[in-house]
């Protein structure tokens, strides 16, 4: 925060105290804005992780049902397919649920 004057000025104690208060308020605002931004990013990351987990669980259920295997075996098939195709488990799960990929 900068203050400018067109001519030299001797600051009085009350003026300096007021300016310090304004600077403290600006600092508090910036800290609060940064905290809100970090919390928003974390919330978005957690929501994405939850959405991915739901999709993966759906895919496990579909693969398990189609092949009459346990959820662990179904997940292993999804993982194996992801590794062999150099993609993520989430991408494979999405293909199973939304595109009908058969494993």
C-alpha atoms as a PDB file:
ATOM      1  CA  UNK A   1       0.000   0.000   0.000  1.00  0.00           C
ATOM      2  CA  UNK A   2       1.443   3.360  -1.029  1.00  0.00           C
ATOM      3  CA  UNK A   3       0.431   6.889  -0.115  1.00  0.00           C
ATOM      4  CA  UNK A   4       1.432   9.870  -2.190  1.00  0.00           C
ATOM      5  CA  UNK A   5       1.176  13.602  -1.716  1.00  0.00           C
ATOM      6  CA  UNK A   6       1.899  16.412  -4.128  1.00  0.00           C
ATOM      7  CA  UNK A   7       3.865  18.215  -1.428  1.00  0.00           C
ATOM      8  CA  UNK A   8       5.909  17.146   1.603  1.00  0.00           C
ATOM      9  CA  UNK A   9       3.857  16.218   4.625  1.00  0.00           C
ATOM     10  CA  UNK A  10       4.750  15.530   8.254  1.00  0.00           C
ATOM     11  CA  UNK A  11       2.509  12.753   9.510  1.00  0.00           C
ATOM     12  CA  UNK A  12       0.865  13.227  12.859  1.00  0.00           C
ATOM     13  CA  UNK A  13       0.635  10.370  15.342  1.00  0.00           C
ATOM     14  CA  UNK A  14      -3.150   9.927  14.779  1.00  0.00           C
ATOM     15  CA  UNK A  15      -2.598   9.875  11.006  1.00  0.00           C
ATOM     16  CA  UNK A  16       0.118   7.239  11.317  1.00  0.00           C
ATOM     17  CA  UNK A  17      -2.077   5.164  13.623  1.00  0.00           C
ATOM     18  CA  UNK A  18      -4.927   5.385  11.099  1.00  0.00           C
ATOM     19  CA  UNK A  19      -2.614   4.354   8.264  1.00  0.00           C
ATOM     20  CA  UNK A  20      -1.293   1.409  10.282  1.00  0.00           C
ATOM     21  CA  UNK A  21      -4.886   0.329  10.946  1.00  0.00           C
ATOM     22  CA  UNK A  22      -5.674   0.562   7.217  1.00  0.00           C
ATOM     23  CA  UNK A  23      -2.558  -1.468   6.378  1.00  0.00           C
ATOM     24  CA  UNK A  24      -3.531  -4.096   8.961  1.00  0.00           C
ATOM     25  CA  UNK A  25      -7.020  -4.303   7.461  1.00  0.00           C
ATOM     26  CA  UNK A  26      -5.597  -4.715   3.951  1.00  0.00           C
ATOM     27  CA  UNK A  27      -3.266  -7.464   5.194  1.00  0.00           C
ATOM     28  CA  UNK A  28      -6.123  -9.253   6.937  1.00  0.00           C
ATOM     29  CA  UNK A  29      -8.191  -9.077   3.749  1.00  0.00           C
ATOM     30  CA  UNK A  30      -5.363 -10.586   1.674  1.00  0.00           C
ATOM     31  CA  UNK A  31      -4.770 -13.371   4.194  1.00  0.00           C
ATOM     32  CA  UNK A  32      -8.496 -14.137   4.311  1.00  0.00           C
ATOM     33  CA  UNK A  33      -8.781 -14.123   0.505  1.00  0.00           C
ATOM     34  CA  UNK A  34      -5.845 -16.534   0.266  1.00  0.00           C
ATOM     35  CA  UNK A  35      -7.393 -18.853   2.849  1.00  0.00           C
ATOM     36  CA  UNK A  36     -10.750 -18.847   1.038  1.00  0.00           C
ATOM     37  CA  UNK A  37      -8.979 -19.612  -2.263  1.00  0.00           C
ATOM     38  CA  UNK A  38      -7.084 -22.536  -0.702  1.00  0.00           C
ATOM     39  CA  UNK A  39     -10.268 -23.913   0.869  1.00  0.00           C
ATOM     40  CA  UNK A  40     -12.104 -23.632  -2.451  1.00  0.00           C
ATOM     41  CA  UNK A  41      -9.331 -25.522  -4.244  1.00  0.00           C
ATOM     42  CA  UNK A  42      -9.324 -28.229  -1.569  1.00  0.00           C
ATOM     43  CA  UNK A  43     -13.101 -28.577  -1.778  1.00  0.00           C
ATOM     44  CA  UNK A  44     -12.901 -28.966  -5.563  1.00  0.00           C
ATOM     45  CA  UNK A  45     -10.146 -31.579  -5.257  1.00  0.00           C
ATOM     46  CA  UNK A  46     -12.106 -33.540  -2.675  1.00  0.00           C
ATOM     47  CA  UNK A  47     -15.265 -33.412  -4.807  1.00  0.00           C
ATOM     48  CA  UNK A  48     -13.333 -34.667  -7.830  1.00  0.00           C
ATOM     49  CA  UNK A  49     -11.884 -37.511  -5.752  1.00  0.00           C
ATOM     50  CA  UNK A  50     -15.344 -38.431  -4.453  1.00  0.00           C
ATOM     51  CA  UNK A  51     -16.821 -38.346  -7.966  1.00  0.00           C
ATOM     52  CA  UNK A  52     -13.991 -40.580  -9.203  1.00  0.00           C
ATOM     53  CA  UNK A  53     -14.528 -43.003  -6.342  1.00  0.00           C
ATOM     54  CA  UNK A  54     -18.247 -43.265  -7.091  1.00  0.00           C
ATOM     55  CA  UNK A  55     -17.512 -43.915 -10.772  1.00  0.00           C
ATOM     56  CA  UNK A  56     -14.924 -46.573  -9.915  1.00  0.00           C
ATOM     57  CA  UNK A  57     -17.348 -48.300  -7.550  1.00  0.00           C
ATOM     58  CA  UNK A  58     -20.018 -48.332 -10.284  1.00  0.00           C
ATOM     59  CA  UNK A  59     -17.538 -49.839 -12.726  1.00  0.00           C
ATOM     60  CA  UNK A  60     -16.497 -52.477 -10.194  1.00  0.00           C
ATOM     61  CA  UNK A  61     -20.133 -53.433  -9.738  1.00  0.00           C
ATOM     62  CA  UNK A  62     -20.747 -53.677 -13.469  1.00  0.00           C
ATOM     63  CA  UNK A  63     -17.614 -55.752 -14.112  1.00  0.00           C
ATOM     64  CA  UNK A  64     -18.296 -57.949 -11.088  1.00  0.00           C
ATOM     65  CA  UNK A  65     -21.883 -58.573 -12.179  1.00  0.00           C
ATOM     66  CA  UNK A  66     -20.949 -59.222 -15.835  1.00  0.00           C
ATOM     67  CA  UNK A  67     -18.314 -61.817 -14.908  1.00  0.00           C
ATOM     68  CA  UNK A  68     -19.749 -63.077 -11.609  1.00  0.00           C
ATOM     69  CA  UNK A  69     -16.597 -62.150  -9.707  1.00  0.00           C
ATOM     70  CA  UNK A  70     -15.929 -60.363  -6.427  1.00  0.00           C
ATOM     71  CA  UNK A  71     -15.428 -56.613  -6.242  1.00  0.00           C
ATOM     72  CA  UNK A  72     -11.723 -57.190  -5.563  1.00  0.00           C
ATOM     73  CA  UNK A  73     -11.357 -59.250  -8.735  1.00  0.00           C
ATOM     74  CA  UNK A  74     -13.395 -56.705 -10.704  1.00  0.00           C
ATOM     75  CA  UNK A  75     -11.151 -53.888  -9.463  1.00  0.00           C
ATOM     76  CA  UNK A  76      -8.049 -55.909 -10.348  1.00  0.00           C
ATOM     77  CA  UNK A  77      -9.390 -56.275 -13.908  1.00  0.00           C
ATOM     78  CA  UNK A  78      -9.968 -52.530 -14.139  1.00  0.00           C
ATOM     79  CA  UNK A  79      -6.468 -51.834 -12.807  1.00  0.00           C
ATOM     80  CA  UNK A  80      -4.881 -54.337 -15.175  1.00  0.00           C
ATOM     81  CA  UNK A  81      -6.688 -52.795 -18.144  1.00  0.00           C
ATOM     82  CA  UNK A  82      -5.604 -49.305 -17.065  1.00  0.00           C
ATOM     83  CA  UNK A  83      -1.958 -50.358 -16.740  1.00  0.00           C
ATOM     84  CA  UNK A  84      -1.872 -52.222 -20.027  1.00  0.00           C
ATOM     85  CA  UNK A  85      -3.379 -49.241 -21.856  1.00  0.00           C
ATOM     86  CA  UNK A  86      -1.291 -46.614 -20.014  1.00  0.00           C
ATOM     87  CA  UNK A  87      -4.311 -44.788 -18.641  1.00  0.00           C
ATOM     88  CA  UNK A  88      -5.888 -44.111 -15.277  1.00  0.00           C
ATOM     89  CA  UNK A  89      -8.279 -46.342 -13.365  1.00  0.00           C
ATOM     90  CA  UNK A  90     -10.772 -43.468 -13.482  1.00  0.00           C
ATOM     91  CA  UNK A  91     -10.624 -43.351 -17.289  1.00  0.00           C
ATOM     92  CA  UNK A  92     -11.221 -47.089 -17.550  1.00  0.00           C
ATOM     93  CA  UNK A  93     -14.066 -46.886 -15.025  1.00  0.00           C
ATOM     94  CA  UNK A  94     -15.635 -44.091 -17.056  1.00  0.00           C
ATOM     95  CA  UNK A  95     -15.389 -46.219 -20.214  1.00  0.00           C
ATOM     96  CA  UNK A  96     -17.000 -49.170 -18.428  1.00  0.00           C
ATOM     97  CA  UNK A  97     -19.887 -47.119 -17.013  1.00  0.00           C
ATOM     98  CA  UNK A  98     -20.519 -44.657 -19.835  1.00  0.00           C
ATOM     99  CA  UNK A  99     -19.252 -46.371 -22.975  1.00  0.00           C
ATOM    100  CA  UNK A 100     -19.992 -50.004 -22.218  1.00  0.00           C
ATOM    101  CA  UNK A 101     -16.365 -51.177 -22.193  1.00  0.00           C
ATOM    102  CA  UNK A 102     -16.312 -54.901 -21.463  1.00  0.00           C
ATOM    103  CA  UNK A 103     -13.366 -56.222 -19.455  1.00  0.00           C
END
